[in-house]
């Protein structure tokens, strides 16, 4: 009830405070030509303003989010205060390569939010520039070309709006929100003097400020490179969303609006932006799904030494049908015997992973393996649909009889389903008739 009260308080008070700011003018810092603007669903209305209450979404909306890092060496004429620096400093600009790309679907009809991460090294067709890495589209043609390339990659799905934010904006936004409590999955230490980038984080649950979150997001010097960073991005997004209902957020609205005005370029209006944020805050955690474009790493010498993430067209088609209500999924039956299940234990109970693996094998799962333990202690077992396959994840949950399904890409890369065992497994063992035999 306290959560509902918080939402009601936030809705009523924020509506009263911001009513004068709900303009229909987009918060754009870059100009789009009429042809470029037409890429984004021709400006169809997506929200309505309800007097002194928060605006509401009127239909499902696909928003392309571009995270951008621009250094002084990336621009021909950097700001005067940065020209004399002897290192590559960050520039408050939106004209560089995209470090992060997300297609987010806000669906008020299904009461569901889906965030699809697109690896920056995805091999894609960029209209007018041929086959290249998809993160180059923003440099070549801004958000409109990025939207075209993304739409083509995802089988032709429409893009309603875009929002670009640079890394300084991410840091400022986290600070404006009062930081974020998150589990850092591993020790992260890295130094790059050429950019004055210093990463120094310890593993474990902690409250991070904007600079520390940026360290976590920019770190990609591990075995999975950019794909590992995408997994950490999803952890940060989920942690921020889980804190969104905190009533203290209301007192921070002026700082948040200031960040939006200085570090975000979007063709969303304030009304539309608040409608999206309000919908996200009210969405049940189980209905927040985080995916990644399915694919695989290219081989070292496959493309003249250029490293790509190679998208899997068939799996993309299935994912778009299941989660974006676009196109049709393949008619393949759910084959339990071939579902790739990987188990990670977080309970530190002897043989927990092996016991779960045995139960699955008894129920017909023939491709089950045990990976390194998950370092984050969990109360509830997570059944992670790594490839976005809801039916397979739900089938695994039914087979186990416990846990919660999560549609996100934070499990083992090569799995269909990753099971991260929590303390509820111990309780299930105590109650299970099998345990008594």
Foldseek 3Di string as FASTA:
>chain_A
DVLVVLLVVLFQVVLQVCVVQQDLFFLAPDDDDPVLCVLQVVQPDQWDDDRSGAIAGDFKAKEKEFEDWDWPVNDPDADPVCPPDQATETGLDQQHFTQWIWTWIQGPVVLFIEIETEHQQAFWQQPPPGTGGLRCQCNVPRPSSSQVGVCVLLPNDGHNKYKYFYLVLQQLLCVLQVFFWFFQQAFDFDADPRHRQTAGDHGGTDTDHSNNLSSLLPDQPDPVRSLLSLLSVVRRVLRCLVCLSPSVSSVSVVSNVVSCSRGMRMRGGPSRVSNRSSSSNPRDSLRYAAAYQAFDWDDCPPPPRRIHGYGDNLLSQQQCCVPVVDHDHDPDDDDQQPAAEEEAEQPPDPCLRVVLVVLSVVVRHNHYYYDYHRPDAAAFKEWEQQSQDPVNSVVSCVSLVGGGYHRHNNADSPGRIYIHDHNVSVVCLVPDPVNVD
